[in-house]
């Protein structure tokens, strides 16, 4: 049988024509583009999470406890005015500072306050409780305050409790009190004393001892 060797027969065994480069790039992009987009989205999400602002966590402020944060024994503390003059000196067997209120407790206390005119007021007691600048002091247990009036007359006040206002030179108590003013002595169930204004208010029943004055003497 005759075999035809024409052009049709010869084309069956020939290699296919090459695919154009542009077509191959398009096919690759079509195949891998969805995967590439997923990778980019994943990277973007990771970056957003890493750089997102962190929520502000409120700081828990620890409540100050009603316990002394420091103590001192057999101490002496002095406070000075802006001009360098001594204002207050506090001495005692032991001092405790409480940070919750700023108060100071002192055992076996001696407080000396120095007025601008040179007068000295001294307070003693078995215990004292004061604010931070020692301008207000509560004296308990054998409390005694010795001061001098602007006219130079000595005054002594004794009680089991005295509330002293150092800057204004005032004393108060609601407990029995003894006052010695010069040669005079008075007792009452309470008092309010303003040294600068020279005013003394006594509460409750009062009794006093007033020795006779010498001719020309002043009380």
N, C-alpha and C. Protein backbone atom coordinates (compact mmCIF):
# COMPACT_ATOMS: atom_id res chain seq x y z
N UNK A 1 0.88 -1.18 0.00
CA UNK A 1 0.00 0.00 0.00
C UNK A 1 0.90 1.21 0.00
N UNK A 2 0.54 2.06 -0.89
CA UNK A 2 1.37 3.26 -0.98
C UNK A 2 1.16 4.13 0.24
N UNK A 3 2.23 4.71 0.85
CA UNK A 3 2.18 5.61 2.03
C UNK A 3 2.47 7.00 1.57
N UNK A 4 1.56 7.88 2.04
CA UNK A 4 1.69 9.28 1.63
C UNK A 4 2.65 9.99 2.58
N UNK A 5 3.57 10.66 2.04
CA UNK A 5 4.55 11.45 2.82
C UNK A 5 4.30 12.95 2.63
N UNK A 6 3.04 13.32 2.54
CA UNK A 6 2.72 14.74 2.30
C UNK A 6 2.92 15.59 3.55
N UNK A 7 2.60 16.79 3.43
CA UNK A 7 2.79 17.77 4.54
C UNK A 7 2.00 17.41 5.79
N UNK A 8 0.79 16.83 5.66
CA UNK A 8 -0.01 16.50 6.85
C UNK A 8 0.67 15.46 7.69
N UNK A 9 1.19 14.42 7.06
CA UNK A 9 1.86 13.35 7.78
C UNK A 9 3.12 13.85 8.45
N UNK A 10 3.81 14.67 7.79
CA UNK A 10 5.07 15.17 8.34
C UNK A 10 4.81 16.04 9.59
N UNK A 11 3.65 16.75 9.69
CA UNK A 11 3.38 17.66 10.83
C UNK A 11 3.07 16.93 12.11
N UNK A 12 2.66 15.65 12.04
CA UNK A 12 2.30 14.95 13.28
C UNK A 12 3.51 14.73 14.17
N UNK A 13 4.64 14.58 13.74
CA UNK A 13 5.80 14.31 14.57
C UNK A 13 6.62 15.53 14.91
N UNK A 14 6.22 16.70 14.48
CA UNK A 14 7.02 17.92 14.74
C UNK A 14 6.75 18.47 16.14
N UNK A 15 7.72 19.17 16.75
CA UNK A 15 7.61 19.79 18.10
C UNK A 15 6.59 20.92 18.07
N UNK A 16 5.83 21.10 19.22
CA UNK A 16 4.84 22.20 19.25
C UNK A 16 5.55 23.55 19.20
N UNK A 17 4.89 24.55 18.74
CA UNK A 17 5.51 25.88 18.67
C UNK A 17 5.74 26.44 20.06
N UNK A 18 6.77 27.22 20.36
CA UNK A 18 7.08 27.80 21.70
C UNK A 18 5.99 28.78 22.14
N UNK A 19 5.73 28.75 23.50
CA UNK A 19 4.71 29.66 24.06
C UNK A 19 5.34 31.03 24.26
N UNK A 20 4.71 32.08 23.88
CA UNK A 20 5.27 33.44 24.05
C UNK A 20 5.49 33.75 25.54
N UNK A 21 6.57 34.52 25.83
CA UNK A 21 6.94 34.86 27.23
C UNK A 21 5.84 35.63 27.93
N UNK A 22 5.15 36.49 27.26
CA UNK A 22 4.07 37.27 27.87
C UNK A 22 2.94 36.38 28.36
N UNK A 23 2.67 35.33 27.55
CA UNK A 23 1.60 34.41 27.94
C UNK A 23 2.00 33.61 29.16
N UNK A 24 3.29 33.20 29.23
CA UNK A 24 3.75 32.45 30.39
C UNK A 24 3.70 33.30 31.67
N UNK A 25 4.07 34.57 31.57
CA UNK A 25 4.00 35.46 32.74
C UNK A 25 2.57 35.63 33.20
N UNK A 26 1.66 35.76 32.26
CA UNK A 26 0.25 35.92 32.62
C UNK A 26 -0.27 34.69 33.34
N UNK A 27 0.14 33.47 32.79
CA UNK A 27 -0.30 32.24 33.44
C UNK A 27 0.25 32.12 34.86
N UNK A 28 1.54 32.53 35.06
CA UNK A 28 2.13 32.45 36.39
C UNK A 28 1.44 33.39 37.37
N UNK A 29 1.14 34.61 36.90
CA UNK A 29 0.45 35.55 37.77
C UNK A 29 -0.94 35.05 38.12
N UNK A 30 -1.60 34.48 37.15
CA UNK A 30 -2.96 33.97 37.41
C UNK A 30 -2.92 32.85 38.44
N UNK A 31 -1.84 32.05 38.41
CA UNK A 31 -1.75 30.91 39.33
C UNK A 31 -1.34 31.34 40.74
N UNK A 32 -0.32 32.23 40.86
CA UNK A 32 0.26 32.55 42.17
C UNK A 32 -0.25 33.86 42.79
N UNK A 33 -1.01 34.66 42.03
CA UNK A 33 -1.46 35.94 42.58
C UNK A 33 -2.34 35.78 43.81
N UNK A 34 -3.31 34.88 43.85
CA UNK A 34 -4.12 34.72 45.09
C UNK A 34 -3.27 34.36 46.32
N UNK A 35 -2.25 33.48 46.11
CA UNK A 35 -1.38 33.12 47.22
C UNK A 35 -0.57 34.31 47.69
N UNK A 36 -0.06 35.11 46.72
CA UNK A 36 0.72 36.29 47.09
C UNK A 36 -0.12 37.30 47.86
N UNK A 37 -1.38 37.46 47.44
CA UNK A 37 -2.27 38.38 48.14
C UNK A 37 -2.53 37.91 49.58
N UNK A 38 -2.68 36.63 49.79
CA UNK A 38 -2.92 36.10 51.13
C UNK A 38 -1.71 36.35 52.03
N UNK A 39 -0.49 36.17 51.47
CA UNK A 39 0.71 36.43 52.25
C UNK A 39 0.80 37.89 52.64
N UNK A 40 0.50 38.80 51.70
CA UNK A 40 0.55 40.23 51.99
C UNK A 40 -0.47 40.61 53.05
N UNK A 41 -1.66 40.03 52.98
CA UNK A 41 -2.69 40.31 53.98
C UNK A 41 -2.26 39.83 55.36
N UNK A 42 -1.65 38.66 55.40
CA UNK A 42 -1.18 38.13 56.68
C UNK A 42 -0.10 39.02 57.29
N UNK A 43 0.87 39.46 56.44
CA UNK A 43 1.91 40.35 56.93
C UNK A 43 1.34 41.68 57.41
N UNK A 44 0.35 42.20 56.68
CA UNK A 44 -0.27 43.46 57.09
C UNK A 44 -1.00 43.34 58.42
N UNK A 45 -1.70 42.24 58.61
CA UNK A 45 -2.41 42.03 59.88
C UNK A 45 -1.43 41.92 61.04
N UNK A 46 -0.32 41.20 60.83
CA UNK A 46 0.70 41.07 61.89
C UNK A 46 1.29 42.42 62.24
N UNK A 47 1.55 43.28 61.24
CA UNK A 47 2.13 44.59 61.49
C UNK A 47 1.16 45.47 62.27
N UNK A 48 -0.13 45.40 61.91
CA UNK A 48 -1.13 46.21 62.63
C UNK A 48 -1.24 45.79 64.09
N UNK A 49 -1.23 44.49 64.34
CA UNK A 49 -1.33 44.00 65.72
C UNK A 49 -0.11 44.42 66.54
N UNK A 50 1.07 44.33 65.91
CA UNK A 50 2.30 44.66 66.63
C UNK A 50 2.37 46.14 66.96
N UNK A 51 1.89 47.01 66.06
CA UNK A 51 2.03 48.44 66.24
C UNK A 51 0.77 49.12 66.77
N UNK A 52 -0.25 48.36 67.06
CA UNK A 52 -1.46 48.96 67.61
C UNK A 52 -1.18 49.49 69.01
N UNK A 53 -1.74 50.64 69.39
CA UNK A 53 -1.51 51.18 70.74
C UNK A 53 -2.06 50.25 71.80
N UNK A 54 -1.29 50.08 72.86
CA UNK A 54 -1.71 49.21 73.94
C UNK A 54 -2.74 49.91 74.82
N UNK A 55 -3.71 49.19 75.32
CA UNK A 55 -4.70 49.81 76.22
C UNK A 55 -4.03 50.31 77.48
N UNK A 56 -4.49 51.47 77.94
CA UNK A 56 -3.92 52.08 79.13
C UNK A 56 -4.46 51.35 80.35
N UNK A 57 -3.56 50.76 81.09
CA UNK A 57 -3.94 50.04 82.30
C UNK A 57 -3.81 51.00 83.46
N UNK A 58 -4.90 51.30 84.16
CA UNK A 58 -4.80 52.23 85.28
C UNK A 58 -3.86 51.72 86.35
N UNK A 59 -3.02 52.64 86.85
CA UNK A 59 -2.08 52.27 87.91
C UNK A 59 -2.84 52.11 89.22
N UNK A 60 -2.54 51.06 89.87
CA UNK A 60 -3.15 50.82 91.17
C UNK A 60 -2.28 51.48 92.23
N UNK A 61 -2.80 52.57 92.79
CA UNK A 61 -2.04 53.30 93.81
C UNK A 61 -2.28 52.61 95.15
N UNK A 62 -1.20 52.19 95.73
CA UNK A 62 -1.31 51.50 97.02
C UNK A 62 -1.72 52.49 98.10
N UNK A 63 -2.76 52.14 98.80
CA UNK A 63 -3.24 53.00 99.88
C UNK A 63 -2.19 53.10 100.98
N UNK A 64 -2.01 54.34 101.45
CA UNK A 64 -1.06 54.54 102.53
C UNK A 64 -1.59 53.90 103.80
N UNK A 65 -0.77 53.13 104.44
CA UNK A 65 -1.18 52.44 105.65
C UNK A 65 -0.94 53.33 106.86
N UNK A 66 -1.79 53.14 107.86
CA UNK A 66 -1.66 53.91 109.08
C UNK A 66 -0.60 53.28 109.97
N UNK A 67 0.59 53.22 109.45
CA UNK A 67 1.74 52.69 110.17
C UNK A 67 2.92 53.64 109.95
N UNK A 68 3.77 53.82 110.94
CA UNK A 68 4.91 54.74 110.76
C UNK A 68 5.85 54.25 109.68
N UNK A 69 6.29 55.19 108.82
CA UNK A 69 7.26 54.83 107.80
C UNK A 69 8.69 55.04 108.28
N UNK A 70 8.87 55.80 109.37
CA UNK A 70 10.19 55.87 109.97
C UNK A 70 10.04 56.33 111.43
N UNK A 71 11.02 56.00 112.22
CA UNK A 71 11.06 56.39 113.62
C UNK A 71 12.45 56.93 113.95
N UNK A 72 12.52 57.75 114.99
CA UNK A 72 13.80 58.25 115.48
C UNK A 72 13.79 58.20 117.00
N UNK A 73 14.92 57.86 117.59
CA UNK A 73 15.04 57.80 119.03
C UNK A 73 16.02 58.82 119.57
N UNK A 74 15.68 59.37 120.74
CA UNK A 74 16.54 60.37 121.39
C UNK A 74 17.00 61.43 120.40
N UNK A 75 16.03 62.09 119.82
CA UNK A 75 16.29 62.97 118.68
C UNK A 75 16.10 64.44 119.06
N UNK A 76 16.55 65.29 118.17
CA UNK A 76 16.32 66.73 118.26
C UNK A 76 16.17 67.25 116.83
N UNK A 77 15.04 67.92 116.57
CA UNK A 77 14.75 68.46 115.23
C UNK A 77 14.51 69.96 115.36
N UNK A 78 15.07 70.73 114.44
CA UNK A 78 14.91 72.18 114.46
C UNK A 78 14.34 72.66 113.14
N UNK A 79 13.49 73.69 113.22
CA UNK A 79 12.93 74.33 112.03
C UNK A 79 13.32 75.81 112.07
N UNK A 80 13.71 76.32 110.89
CA UNK A 80 14.20 77.69 110.81
C UNK A 80 13.29 78.52 109.90
N UNK A 81 13.24 79.81 110.16
CA UNK A 81 12.52 80.74 109.30
C UNK A 81 13.34 81.03 108.05
N UNK A 82 12.74 81.73 107.11
CA UNK A 82 13.45 82.05 105.87
C UNK A 82 14.67 82.92 106.11
N UNK A 83 14.62 83.74 107.16
CA UNK A 83 15.77 84.60 107.44
C UNK A 83 16.86 83.88 108.22
N UNK A 84 16.67 82.58 108.48
CA UNK A 84 17.68 81.80 109.18
C UNK A 84 17.49 81.73 110.68
N UNK A 85 16.52 82.45 111.22
CA UNK A 85 16.29 82.43 112.66
C UNK A 85 15.59 81.13 113.06
N UNK A 86 15.89 80.66 114.26
CA UNK A 86 15.31 79.43 114.77
C UNK A 86 13.85 79.66 115.15
N UNK A 87 12.95 78.77 114.66
CA UNK A 87 11.53 78.91 114.96
C UNK A 87 11.07 77.89 116.00
N UNK A 88 11.38 76.61 115.77
CA UNK A 88 10.90 75.55 116.65
C UNK A 88 11.99 74.51 116.83
N UNK A 89 12.12 74.02 118.06
CA UNK A 89 13.00 72.89 118.33
C UNK A 89 12.16 71.83 119.05
N UNK A 90 12.22 70.60 118.52
CA UNK A 90 11.46 69.48 119.09
C UNK A 90 12.45 68.41 119.54
N UNK A 91 12.33 67.98 120.78
CA UNK A 91 13.18 66.92 121.32
C UNK A 91 12.28 65.86 121.94
N UNK A 92 12.74 64.61 121.95
CA UNK A 92 11.95 63.56 122.55
C UNK A 92 12.68 62.24 122.61
N UNK A 93 12.04 61.31 123.32
CA UNK A 93 12.63 59.98 123.45
C UNK A 93 12.45 59.17 122.17
N UNK A 94 11.29 59.28 121.54
CA UNK A 94 11.06 58.57 120.28
C UNK A 94 10.03 59.33 119.46
N UNK A 95 10.27 59.37 118.14
CA UNK A 95 9.34 60.02 117.22
C UNK A 95 8.91 59.02 116.16
N UNK A 96 7.62 59.08 115.79
CA UNK A 96 7.07 58.24 114.74
C UNK A 96 6.34 59.12 113.73
N UNK A 97 6.63 58.89 112.44
CA UNK A 97 5.97 59.66 111.36
C UNK A 97 5.01 58.75 110.61
N UNK A 98 3.77 59.23 110.41
CA UNK A 98 2.73 58.44 109.74
C UNK A 98 2.43 59.08 108.38
N UNK A 99 2.73 58.38 107.28
CA UNK A 99 2.59 58.99 105.96
C UNK A 99 1.15 59.19 105.51
N UNK A 100 0.18 58.43 106.08
CA UNK A 100 -1.20 58.56 105.61
C UNK A 100 -1.79 59.92 105.95
N UNK A 101 -1.41 60.48 107.08
CA UNK A 101 -1.93 61.79 107.48
C UNK A 101 -0.84 62.84 107.65
N UNK A 102 0.42 62.43 107.64
CA UNK A 102 1.52 63.36 107.86
C UNK A 102 1.74 63.71 109.31
N UNK A 103 1.00 63.06 110.20
CA UNK A 103 1.13 63.42 111.61
C UNK A 103 2.42 62.85 112.21
N UNK A 104 2.83 63.44 113.32
CA UNK A 104 4.03 63.05 114.03
C UNK A 104 3.66 62.77 115.49
N UNK A 105 4.11 61.65 115.99
CA UNK A 105 3.92 61.32 117.40
C UNK A 105 5.28 61.32 118.09
N UNK A 106 5.33 61.92 119.27
CA UNK A 106 6.59 62.01 120.01
C UNK A 106 6.33 61.61 121.46
N UNK A 107 7.16 60.74 121.99
CA UNK A 107 7.08 60.34 123.40
C UNK A 107 8.07 61.17 124.22
N UNK A 108 7.62 61.56 125.44
CA UNK A 108 8.46 62.37 126.35
C UNK A 108 9.01 63.58 125.59
N UNK A 109 8.10 64.42 125.18
CA UNK A 109 8.43 65.50 124.25
C UNK A 109 8.73 66.80 124.98
N UNK A 110 9.62 67.58 124.38
CA UNK A 110 9.88 68.96 124.78
C UNK A 110 9.90 69.80 123.51
N UNK A 111 9.03 70.81 123.46
CA UNK A 111 8.93 71.68 122.29
C UNK A 111 9.23 73.10 122.72
N UNK A 112 10.14 73.74 122.02
CA UNK A 112 10.45 75.14 122.28
C UNK A 112 10.15 75.95 121.02
N UNK A 113 9.33 76.98 121.20
CA UNK A 113 8.97 77.86 120.10
C UNK A 113 9.55 79.25 120.37
N UNK A 114 10.19 79.82 119.35
CA UNK A 114 10.89 81.10 119.51
C UNK A 114 10.15 82.18 118.72
N UNK A 115 9.63 83.17 119.44
CA UNK A 115 8.92 84.27 118.80
C UNK A 115 9.91 85.26 118.21
N UNK A 116 9.47 86.05 117.21
CA UNK A 116 10.38 87.04 116.61
C UNK A 116 10.95 88.04 117.61
N UNK A 117 10.20 88.32 118.70
CA UNK A 117 10.69 89.29 119.68
C UNK A 117 11.59 88.66 120.73
N UNK A 118 11.93 87.37 120.57
CA UNK A 118 12.85 86.72 121.48
C UNK A 118 12.20 85.91 122.58
N UNK A 119 10.87 86.00 122.75
CA UNK A 119 10.20 85.22 123.77
C UNK A 119 10.22 83.74 123.42
N UNK A 120 10.34 82.89 124.44
CA UNK A 120 10.41 81.45 124.24
C UNK A 120 9.22 80.80 124.94
N UNK A 121 8.52 79.94 124.22
CA UNK A 121 7.44 79.14 124.79
C UNK A 121 7.90 77.69 124.82
N UNK A 122 7.77 77.05 125.98
CA UNK A 122 8.19 75.65 126.11
C UNK A 122 7.01 74.80 126.51
N UNK A 123 6.86 73.65 125.83
CA UNK A 123 5.79 72.71 126.12
C UNK A 123 6.39 71.33 126.36
N UNK A 124 5.90 70.65 127.38
CA UNK A 124 6.36 69.30 127.69
C UNK A 124 5.15 68.41 127.95
N UNK A 125 5.30 67.11 127.68
CA UNK A 125 4.23 66.14 127.93
C UNK A 125 4.79 64.74 127.74
N UNK A 126 4.03 63.76 128.22
CA UNK A 126 4.45 62.37 128.00
C UNK A 126 4.29 61.97 126.54
N UNK A 127 3.34 62.59 125.85
CA UNK A 127 3.20 62.31 124.41
C UNK A 127 2.64 63.54 123.71
N UNK A 128 3.08 63.73 122.48
CA UNK A 128 2.59 64.82 121.64
C UNK A 128 2.24 64.27 120.27
N UNK A 129 1.16 64.80 119.70
CA UNK A 129 0.77 64.49 118.32
C UNK A 129 0.66 65.82 117.59
N UNK A 130 1.39 65.96 116.49
CA UNK A 130 1.40 67.23 115.78
C UNK A 130 1.24 67.02 114.29
N UNK A 131 0.94 68.12 113.58
CA UNK A 131 0.96 68.08 112.12
C UNK A 131 2.40 68.20 111.64
N UNK A 132 2.58 68.21 110.32
CA UNK A 132 3.93 68.12 109.77
C UNK A 132 4.84 69.27 110.13
N UNK A 133 4.32 70.50 110.20
CA UNK A 133 5.20 71.65 110.49
C UNK A 133 5.18 72.04 111.96
N UNK A 134 4.59 71.21 112.82
CA UNK A 134 4.56 71.43 114.27
C UNK A 134 3.91 72.78 114.59
N UNK A 135 2.91 73.18 113.81
CA UNK A 135 2.18 74.41 114.12
C UNK A 135 0.98 74.13 115.01
N UNK A 136 0.49 72.89 115.02
CA UNK A 136 -0.61 72.49 115.90
C UNK A 136 -0.18 71.21 116.62
N UNK A 137 -0.24 71.24 117.94
CA UNK A 137 0.25 70.12 118.75
C UNK A 137 -0.79 69.77 119.80
N UNK A 138 -1.04 68.48 119.97
CA UNK A 138 -1.87 67.98 121.06
C UNK A 138 -0.96 67.30 122.08
N UNK A 139 -0.98 67.82 123.30
CA UNK A 139 -0.14 67.31 124.38
C UNK A 139 -1.01 66.52 125.35
N UNK A 140 -0.60 65.29 125.67
CA UNK A 140 -1.35 64.45 126.59
C UNK A 140 -0.41 63.87 127.63
N UNK A 141 -0.96 63.75 128.85
CA UNK A 141 -0.18 63.16 129.94
C UNK A 141 0.77 64.15 130.58
N UNK A 142 0.35 64.76 131.67
CA UNK A 142 1.24 65.72 132.35
C UNK A 142 1.65 66.87 131.46
N UNK A 143 0.72 67.38 130.65
CA UNK A 143 1.06 68.47 129.73
C UNK A 143 1.29 69.77 130.48
N UNK A 144 2.33 70.47 130.10
CA UNK A 144 2.67 71.75 130.73
C UNK A 144 3.23 72.69 129.68
N UNK A 145 2.73 73.91 129.70
CA UNK A 145 3.21 74.94 128.77
C UNK A 145 3.65 76.14 129.59
N UNK A 146 4.85 76.57 129.37
CA UNK A 146 5.38 77.78 130.02
C UNK A 146 5.66 78.81 128.93
N UNK A 147 5.12 80.01 129.12
CA UNK A 147 5.33 81.08 128.16
C UNK A 147 5.47 82.40 128.89
N UNK A 148 5.71 83.45 128.14
CA UNK A 148 5.86 84.80 128.69
C UNK A 148 4.97 85.72 127.87
N UNK A 149 4.20 86.53 128.54
CA UNK A 149 3.34 87.47 127.83
C UNK A 149 4.19 88.55 127.17
N UNK A 150 3.63 89.25 126.15
CA UNK A 150 4.40 90.35 125.54
C UNK A 150 4.84 91.40 126.55
N UNK A 151 4.13 91.47 127.71
CA UNK A 151 4.53 92.42 128.75
C UNK A 151 5.60 91.86 129.66
N UNK A 152 6.00 90.58 129.45
CA UNK A 152 7.06 90.00 130.25
C UNK A 152 6.60 89.22 131.45
N UNK A 153 5.30 88.96 131.58
CA UNK A 153 4.76 88.22 132.72
C UNK A 153 4.78 86.72 132.42
N UNK A 154 5.36 85.89 133.29
CA UNK A 154 5.38 84.45 133.03
C UNK A 154 4.00 83.82 133.25
N UNK A 155 3.71 82.83 132.41
CA UNK A 155 2.44 82.10 132.49
C UNK A 155 2.74 80.62 132.39
N UNK A 156 2.15 79.82 133.30
CA UNK A 156 2.28 78.37 133.26
C UNK A 156 0.89 77.75 133.22
N UNK A 157 0.69 76.80 132.29
CA UNK A 157 -0.58 76.11 132.16
C UNK A 157 -0.32 74.62 132.25
N UNK A 158 -1.07 73.93 133.12
CA UNK A 158 -0.88 72.49 133.32
C UNK A 158 -2.22 71.77 133.21
N UNK A 159 -2.22 70.63 132.51
CA UNK A 159 -3.43 69.81 132.37
C UNK A 159 -3.01 68.45 131.83
N UNK A 160 -3.96 67.50 131.86
CA UNK A 160 -3.69 66.21 131.25
C UNK A 160 -3.82 66.26 129.73
N UNK A 161 -4.41 67.33 129.22
CA UNK A 161 -4.54 67.50 127.76
C UNK A 161 -4.49 68.99 127.44
N UNK A 162 -3.65 69.34 126.49
CA UNK A 162 -3.57 70.72 126.00
C UNK A 162 -3.42 70.69 124.49
N UNK A 163 -4.19 71.52 123.82
CA UNK A 163 -4.05 71.69 122.38
C UNK A 163 -3.39 73.05 122.15
N UNK A 164 -2.20 73.02 121.58
CA UNK A 164 -1.40 74.24 121.41
C UNK A 164 -1.30 74.61 119.94
N UNK A 165 -1.54 75.89 119.65
CA UNK A 165 -1.36 76.44 118.31
C UNK A 165 -0.13 77.35 118.39
N UNK A 166 0.98 76.83 117.84
CA UNK A 166 2.28 77.48 118.06
C UNK A 166 2.33 78.85 117.42
N UNK A 167 1.90 78.98 116.17
CA UNK A 167 2.05 80.26 115.45
C UNK A 167 1.22 81.36 116.08
N UNK A 168 -0.01 81.04 116.51
CA UNK A 168 -0.89 82.06 117.07
C UNK A 168 -0.81 82.14 118.59
N UNK A 169 0.02 81.31 119.23
CA UNK A 169 0.22 81.29 120.67
C UNK A 169 -1.11 81.15 121.42
N UNK A 170 -1.87 80.11 121.05
CA UNK A 170 -3.15 79.84 121.69
C UNK A 170 -3.13 78.46 122.33
N UNK A 171 -3.88 78.33 123.42
CA UNK A 171 -4.02 77.06 124.13
C UNK A 171 -5.50 76.78 124.37
N UNK A 172 -5.86 75.48 124.27
CA UNK A 172 -7.22 75.07 124.57
C UNK A 172 -7.20 73.74 125.30
N UNK A 173 -8.20 73.55 126.15
CA UNK A 173 -8.39 72.24 126.77
C UNK A 173 -9.82 72.15 127.29
N UNK A 174 -10.35 70.92 127.30
CA UNK A 174 -11.67 70.67 127.87
C UNK A 174 -11.56 69.90 129.18
N UNK A 175 -10.32 69.71 129.68
CA UNK A 175 -10.08 68.97 130.91
C UNK A 175 -9.66 69.93 132.02
N UNK A 176 -9.73 69.49 133.26
CA UNK A 176 -9.32 70.37 134.36
C UNK A 176 -7.92 70.92 134.14
N UNK A 177 -7.72 72.16 134.49
CA UNK A 177 -6.48 72.86 134.17
C UNK A 177 -6.11 73.79 135.32
N UNK A 178 -4.82 74.00 135.50
CA UNK A 178 -4.30 74.95 136.47
C UNK A 178 -3.48 76.00 135.74
N UNK A 179 -3.72 77.26 136.08
CA UNK A 179 -3.01 78.36 135.44
C UNK A 179 -2.32 79.18 136.51
N UNK A 180 -1.06 79.41 136.32
CA UNK A 180 -0.31 80.31 137.20
C UNK A 180 0.13 81.51 136.38
N UNK A 181 -0.31 82.67 136.84
CA UNK A 181 -0.02 83.92 136.13
C UNK A 181 0.62 84.88 137.12
N UNK A 182 1.94 84.98 137.02
CA UNK A 182 2.64 85.76 138.02
C UNK A 182 2.50 85.08 139.37
N UNK A 183 1.99 85.80 140.38
CA UNK A 183 1.76 85.24 141.70
C UNK A 183 0.34 84.67 141.86
N UNK A 184 -0.45 84.74 140.82
CA UNK A 184 -1.84 84.29 140.89
C UNK A 184 -1.94 82.85 140.40
N UNK A 185 -2.91 82.12 140.96
CA UNK A 185 -3.16 80.74 140.54
C UNK A 185 -4.66 80.52 140.39
N UNK A 186 -5.06 79.90 139.27
CA UNK A 186 -6.47 79.63 139.00
C UNK A 186 -6.62 78.19 138.54
N UNK A 187 -7.79 77.63 138.88
CA UNK A 187 -8.14 76.28 138.44
C UNK A 187 -9.54 76.31 137.86
N UNK A 188 -9.72 75.54 136.78
CA UNK A 188 -11.05 75.47 136.16
C UNK A 188 -11.17 74.15 135.41
N UNK A 189 -12.36 73.91 134.83
CA UNK A 189 -12.61 72.68 134.10
C UNK A 189 -12.26 72.78 132.62
N UNK A 190 -11.72 73.87 132.19
CA UNK A 190 -11.31 74.04 130.80
C UNK A 190 -10.91 75.48 130.57
N UNK A 191 -10.23 75.70 129.45
CA UNK A 191 -9.82 77.08 129.16
C UNK A 191 -9.60 77.28 127.68
N UNK A 192 -9.57 78.55 127.30
CA UNK A 192 -9.14 79.00 125.98
C UNK A 192 -8.27 80.23 126.23
N UNK A 193 -7.00 80.13 125.86
CA UNK A 193 -6.04 81.18 126.19
C UNK A 193 -5.38 81.69 124.92
N UNK A 194 -5.44 83.00 124.72
CA UNK A 194 -4.78 83.67 123.59
C UNK A 194 -3.70 84.57 124.16
N UNK A 195 -2.45 84.14 124.01
CA UNK A 195 -1.36 84.88 124.62
C UNK A 195 -1.12 86.22 123.94
N UNK A 196 -1.23 86.28 122.62
CA UNK A 196 -0.98 87.53 121.92
C UNK A 196 -2.06 88.57 122.22
N UNK A 197 -3.31 88.12 122.30
CA UNK A 197 -4.40 89.05 122.59
C UNK A 197 -4.59 89.27 124.08
N UNK A 198 -3.82 88.54 124.91
CA UNK A 198 -3.92 88.65 126.37
C UNK A 198 -5.37 88.41 126.83
N UNK A 199 -5.92 87.27 126.33
CA UNK A 199 -7.30 86.94 126.69
C UNK A 199 -7.33 85.52 127.23
N UNK A 200 -8.00 85.36 128.39
CA UNK A 200 -8.12 84.07 129.05
C UNK A 200 -9.58 83.81 129.35
N UNK A 201 -10.13 82.73 128.77
CA UNK A 201 -11.51 82.32 129.03
C UNK A 201 -11.48 81.00 129.78
N UNK A 202 -12.12 80.96 130.95
CA UNK A 202 -12.18 79.76 131.77
C UNK A 202 -13.59 79.19 131.73
N UNK A 203 -13.69 77.86 131.65
CA UNK A 203 -14.98 77.19 131.61
C UNK A 203 -15.23 76.44 132.92
N UNK A 204 -16.52 76.37 133.26
CA UNK A 204 -16.92 75.58 134.41
C UNK A 204 -16.61 76.29 135.73
N UNK A 205 -16.83 75.59 136.82
CA UNK A 205 -16.50 76.18 138.13
C UNK A 205 -15.02 76.54 138.19
N UNK A 206 -14.75 77.66 138.78
CA UNK A 206 -13.38 78.15 138.85
C UNK A 206 -13.07 78.60 140.27
N UNK A 207 -11.87 78.35 140.69
CA UNK A 207 -11.40 78.91 141.96
C UNK A 207 -9.97 79.40 141.76
N UNK A 208 -9.62 80.42 142.50
CA UNK A 208 -8.31 81.01 142.32
C UNK A 208 -7.73 81.55 143.60
N UNK A 209 -6.45 81.74 143.55
CA UNK A 209 -5.71 82.31 144.67
C UNK A 209 -5.02 83.57 144.17
N UNK A 210 -5.34 84.70 144.82
CA UNK A 210 -4.78 85.98 144.40
C UNK A 210 -4.16 86.65 145.63
N UNK A 211 -2.86 86.51 145.79
CA UNK A 211 -2.22 87.14 146.95
C UNK A 211 -2.35 88.65 146.89
N UNK A 212 -2.37 89.27 148.07
CA UNK A 212 -2.49 90.73 148.07
C UNK A 212 -1.32 91.39 147.36
N UNK A 213 -1.65 92.44 146.68
CA UNK A 213 -0.62 93.16 145.94
C UNK A 213 0.10 94.14 146.86
N UNK A 214 1.39 94.26 146.59
CA UNK A 214 2.16 95.27 147.30
C UNK A 214 1.78 96.64 146.76
N UNK A 215 1.89 97.65 147.53
CA UNK A 215 1.56 98.99 147.04
C UNK A 215 2.31 99.32 145.78
N UNK A 216 1.55 99.71 144.75
CA UNK A 216 2.16 100.08 143.49
C UNK A 216 2.49 98.92 142.58
N UNK A 217 2.24 97.64 143.01
CA UNK A 217 2.57 96.48 142.18
C UNK A 217 1.45 96.24 141.18
N UNK A 218 1.80 95.60 140.07
CA UNK A 218 0.82 95.26 139.01
C UNK A 218 0.63 93.77 138.96
N UNK A 219 -0.61 93.32 138.76
CA UNK A 219 -0.87 91.88 138.62
C UNK A 219 -0.49 91.43 137.22
